[in-house]
Structures are given as C-alpha cells and as structure tokens.
C-alpha atoms as a PDB file:
ATOM      1  CA  GLN A   1      -9.731   2.499  17.079  1.00  0.00           C
ATOM      2  CA  VAL A   2      -7.434   2.079  14.283  1.00  0.00           C
ATOM      3  CA  GLN A   3      -8.868   3.938  11.021  1.00  0.00           C
ATOM      4  CA  LEU A   4      -6.968   3.965   7.575  1.00  0.00           C
ATOM      5  CA  VAL A   5      -8.261   6.233   4.964  1.00  0.00           C
ATOM      6  CA  GLU A   6      -6.694   5.832   1.536  1.00  0.00           C
ATOM      7  CA  SER A   7      -6.882   8.444  -1.244  1.00  0.00           C
ATOM      8  CA  GLY A   8      -5.210   9.072  -4.642  1.00  0.00           C
ATOM      9  CA  GLY A   9      -6.810   6.621  -6.683  1.00  0.00           C
ATOM     10  CA  GLY A  10      -8.400   7.188 -10.013  1.00  0.00           C
ATOM     11  CA  LEU A  11      -7.978   6.552 -13.838  1.00  0.00           C
ATOM     12  CA  VAL A  12      -4.869   6.759 -15.689  1.00  0.00           C
ATOM     13  CA  GLN A  13      -3.558   5.746 -19.083  1.00  0.00           C
ATOM     14  CA  ALA A  14      -1.015   3.020 -19.292  1.00  0.00           C
ATOM     15  CA  GLY A  15       2.550   4.351 -18.905  1.00  0.00           C
ATOM     16  CA  GLY A  16       1.217   7.092 -16.322  1.00  0.00           C
ATOM     17  CA  SER A  17       1.668   7.596 -12.508  1.00  0.00           C
ATOM     18  CA  LEU A  18      -0.217   7.893  -9.469  1.00  0.00           C
ATOM     19  CA  ARG A  19       0.388   8.297  -6.026  1.00  0.00           C
ATOM     20  CA  LEU A  20      -1.749   6.773  -3.130  1.00  0.00           C
ATOM     21  CA  SER A  21      -2.005   8.168   0.428  1.00  0.00           C
ATOM     22  CA  CYS A  22      -3.112   6.479   3.451  1.00  0.00           C
ATOM     23  CA  ALA A  23      -3.648   8.426   6.487  1.00  0.00           C
ATOM     24  CA  ALA A  24      -3.649   6.415   9.724  1.00  0.00           C
ATOM     25  CA  SER A  25      -5.501   7.187  12.941  1.00  0.00           C
ATOM     26  CA  GLY A  26      -6.028   5.991  16.220  1.00  0.00           C
ATOM     27  CA  ARG A  27      -2.809   5.254  17.675  1.00  0.00           C
ATOM     28  CA  THR A  28       1.018   6.291  17.293  1.00  0.00           C
ATOM     29  CA  PHE A  29       2.113   4.442  14.219  1.00  0.00           C
ATOM     30  CA  SER A  30       5.663   4.792  14.538  1.00  0.00           C
ATOM     31  CA  ARG A  31       5.957   1.288  15.763  1.00  0.00           C
ATOM     32  CA  TYR A  32       3.942   0.001  13.079  1.00  0.00           C
ATOM     33  CA  ASP A  33       4.900  -1.822   9.771  1.00  0.00           C
ATOM     34  CA  MET A  34       2.742  -0.205   6.847  1.00  0.00           C
ATOM     35  CA  GLY A  35       1.858  -1.755   3.594  1.00  0.00           C
ATOM     36  CA  TRP A  36      -0.172  -1.954   0.460  1.00  0.00           C
ATOM     37  CA  PHE A  37      -2.083  -4.542  -1.018  1.00  0.00           C
ATOM     38  CA  ARG A  38      -4.361  -4.870  -3.953  1.00  0.00           C
ATOM     39  CA  GLN A  39      -7.398  -7.207  -5.199  1.00  0.00           C
ATOM     40  CA  ALA A  40      -8.515  -7.426  -8.649  1.00  0.00           C
ATOM     41  CA  PRO A  41     -11.866  -8.802  -9.632  1.00  0.00           C
ATOM     42  CA  GLY A  42     -11.990 -12.656  -9.361  1.00  0.00           C
ATOM     43  CA  LYS A  43      -8.284 -12.521  -7.949  1.00  0.00           C
ATOM     44  CA  GLU A  44      -6.640 -13.274  -4.597  1.00  0.00           C
ATOM     45  CA  ARG A  45      -5.572 -10.001  -2.552  1.00  0.00           C
ATOM     46  CA  GLU A  46      -1.821  -9.329  -3.776  1.00  0.00           C
ATOM     47  CA  PHE A  47       0.970  -8.064  -1.527  1.00  0.00           C
ATOM     48  CA  LEU A  48       2.672  -4.949  -3.017  1.00  0.00           C
ATOM     49  CA  ALA A  49       5.092  -3.336  -0.753  1.00  0.00           C
ATOM     50  CA  VAL A  50       5.733  -2.887   3.102  1.00  0.00           C
ATOM     51  CA  ILE A  51       7.924  -0.347   5.005  1.00  0.00           C
ATOM     52  CA  THR A  52       8.892  -1.387   8.240  1.00  0.00           C
ATOM     53  CA  TRP A  53       8.715   0.379  11.598  1.00  0.00           C
ATOM     54  CA  SER A  54      12.470  -0.372  12.860  1.00  0.00           C
ATOM     55  CA  ASP A  55      14.283   0.992   9.920  1.00  0.00           C
ATOM     56  CA  GLY A  56      12.197   2.000   7.139  1.00  0.00           C
ATOM     57  CA  SER A  57      13.239  -1.118   5.237  1.00  0.00           C
ATOM     58  CA  THR A  58      11.164  -1.774   2.096  1.00  0.00           C
ATOM     59  CA  TYR A  59      10.055  -4.770   0.432  1.00  0.00           C
ATOM     60  CA  TYR A  60       8.300  -5.389  -2.827  1.00  0.00           C
ATOM     61  CA  GLY A  61       6.177  -8.007  -4.570  1.00  0.00           C
ATOM     62  CA  ASP A  62       7.768  -9.317  -7.682  1.00  0.00           C
ATOM     63  CA  SER A  63       4.937  -7.567 -10.013  1.00  0.00           C
ATOM     64  CA  VAL A  64       5.712  -4.189  -9.032  1.00  0.00           C
ATOM     65  CA  LYS A  65       9.472  -4.221  -7.952  1.00  0.00           C
ATOM     66  CA  GLY A  66      11.185  -1.147  -9.917  1.00  0.00           C
ATOM     67  CA  ARG A  67       7.971   0.267 -10.542  1.00  0.00           C
ATOM     68  CA  PHE A  68       6.498   1.281  -7.354  1.00  0.00           C
ATOM     69  CA  THR A  69       7.792   3.069  -4.455  1.00  0.00           C
ATOM     70  CA  ILE A  70       6.684   2.929  -0.685  1.00  0.00           C
ATOM     71  CA  SER A  71       7.577   5.636   1.687  1.00  0.00           C
ATOM     72  CA  ARG A  72       6.243   6.775   5.268  1.00  0.00           C
ATOM     73  CA  ASP A  73       5.925  10.078   7.258  1.00  0.00           C
ATOM     74  CA  ASN A  74       5.520   9.319  11.052  1.00  0.00           C
ATOM     75  CA  SER A  75       5.155  12.938  11.660  1.00  0.00           C
ATOM     76  CA  LYS A  76       1.713  12.453   9.699  1.00  0.00           C
ATOM     77  CA  ASN A  77       0.930   8.996  10.398  1.00  0.00           C
ATOM     78  CA  THR A  78       0.904   8.514   6.761  1.00  0.00           C
ATOM     79  CA  VAL A  79       2.162   5.924   4.068  1.00  0.00           C
ATOM     80  CA  TYR A  80       2.466   6.658   0.613  1.00  0.00           C
ATOM     81  CA  LEU A  81       2.716   4.562  -2.589  1.00  0.00           C
ATOM     82  CA  GLN A  82       4.244   5.938  -5.709  1.00  0.00           C
ATOM     83  CA  MET A  83       3.189   4.030  -8.819  1.00  0.00           C
ATOM     84  CA  ASN A  84       4.976   4.566 -12.193  1.00  0.00           C
ATOM     85  CA  SER A  85       5.064   2.976 -15.537  1.00  0.00           C
ATOM     86  CA  LEU A  86       1.441   1.652 -14.747  1.00  0.00           C
ATOM     87  CA  LYS A  87      -0.061  -1.177 -16.904  1.00  0.00           C
ATOM     88  CA  PRO A  88      -3.591  -2.338 -17.399  1.00  0.00           C
ATOM     89  CA  GLU A  89      -2.984  -5.066 -15.091  1.00  0.00           C
ATOM     90  CA  ASP A  90      -2.449  -2.797 -12.309  1.00  0.00           C
ATOM     91  CA  THR A  91      -6.362  -2.223 -12.198  1.00  0.00           C
ATOM     92  CA  ALA A  92      -7.347  -3.147  -8.884  1.00  0.00           C
ATOM     93  CA  LEU A  93      -8.510  -1.987  -5.419  1.00  0.00           C
ATOM     94  CA  TYR A  94      -5.636  -0.721  -3.493  1.00  0.00           C
ATOM     95  CA  TYR A  95      -5.594  -1.154   0.340  1.00  0.00           C
ATOM     96  CA  CYS A  96      -3.451   0.097   2.992  1.00  0.00           C
ATOM     97  CA  VAL A  97      -2.631  -2.343   5.777  1.00  0.00           C
ATOM     98  CA  VAL A  98      -0.642  -1.541   8.966  1.00  0.00           C
ATOM     99  CA  ARG A  99       0.337  -4.012  11.846  1.00  0.00           C
ATOM    100  CA  LEU A 100       2.512  -3.922  15.089  1.00  0.00           C
ATOM    101  CA  GLY A 101       6.057  -4.185  13.966  1.00  0.00           C
ATOM    102  CA  SER A 102       7.645  -7.590  14.259  1.00  0.00           C
ATOM    103  CA  TYR A 103      11.136  -8.898  13.761  1.00  0.00           C
ATOM    104  CA  TYR A 104      10.308  -9.755  10.389  1.00  0.00           C
ATOM    105  CA  TYR A 105       8.427  -8.177   7.638  1.00  0.00           C
ATOM    106  CA  SER A 106       5.244  -9.947   6.254  1.00  0.00           C
ATOM    107  CA  SER A 107       3.959 -10.249   2.745  1.00  0.00           C
ATOM    108  CA  ARG A 108       0.944 -12.290   4.196  1.00  0.00           C
ATOM    109  CA  ALA A 109      -2.454 -10.522   4.080  1.00  0.00           C
ATOM    110  CA  ASN A 110      -3.737 -12.427   7.325  1.00  0.00           C
ATOM    111  CA  ASP A 111      -0.812 -11.112   9.126  1.00  0.00           C
ATOM    112  CA  TYR A 112      -2.281  -7.426   8.937  1.00  0.00           C
ATOM    113  CA  PRO A 113      -5.146  -6.932  11.316  1.00  0.00           C
ATOM    114  CA  TYR A 114      -5.874  -3.401  10.059  1.00  0.00           C
ATOM    115  CA  TRP A 115      -7.346  -2.697   6.507  1.00  0.00           C
ATOM    116  CA  GLY A 116      -8.547   0.534   4.959  1.00  0.00           C
ATOM    117  CA  GLN A 117     -11.444   0.635   2.881  1.00  0.00           C
ATOM    118  CA  GLY A 118      -9.698   0.852  -0.516  1.00  0.00           C
ATOM    119  CA  THR A 119      -8.981   3.217  -3.365  1.00  0.00           C
ATOM    120  CA  GLN A 120      -9.865   2.337  -7.118  1.00  0.00           C
ATOM    121  CA  VAL A 121      -6.882   2.456  -9.610  1.00  0.00           C
ATOM    122  CA  THR A 122      -7.805   1.800 -13.179  1.00  0.00           C
ATOM    123  CA  VAL A 123      -5.457   1.825 -15.700  1.00  0.00           C
ATOM    124  CA  SER A 124      -6.526   2.178 -19.521  1.00  0.00           C
ATOM    125  CA  SER A 125      -4.506   0.690 -22.298  1.00  0.00           C
END
C-alpha cells in the first residue's frame, strides 16, 4: 500500500519561502517519478514539478519555473519542493504524487495513480 505524507505547509508572507516534504512508504521508490501538484479553490489541479527516477531530471510548470525547486532523497523515499519568492496566487493545497517511471515524464494529473492528502500553503499579501 503506497502512502504519501506531505508536510511543511503553512502561512507565509509574500516574498517568503517554504519547503515542502513528502515521505513515501509502501514501496521502493527509486524507480518512481515523484512530483507535486496544487489545487486552489475553484480551480483545476495544476502541475508544478516532477523529478524523474532515471537520471533525476526535473521539469516545472510555467507558473513556478525559476522560483520552485524539486529534489529527492532516494535513501529516505522523500521528495522536496523548495518554494521561494512566494506570491498570494501560490495559495493552494499542495499534493505530492508518484508514478512508476516511464520513458517520458508527465505533467498530467491523471497519469499519477498515487496522491498524498495535501498540505495547505497560504501566502498573505
């Protein structure tokens, strides 16, 4: 049974930083792509970032490119999302996701079968 547990969310002022963590259990995740999505009230789920299992390549959504950094520690089955220069529009519920690695990365929510419960990030202006 795959379990993903996010932590690190909270309230921060605009321009500040947060670091999200996601601890995965139930499998050996070294061959899994790991990523992050978010969803704000009334909006669709938005792809943020993914780090691939094969060579650790990283890919980002346009809205967070240059501000967010994804990383992983396979020895701890953990993926991180460092978020800098936060804006009020970054306010959302942030989800950790994993999927078995493939030949290509995916930014589609439906391609990720495993999701965490989410951690709330609120950015005040």
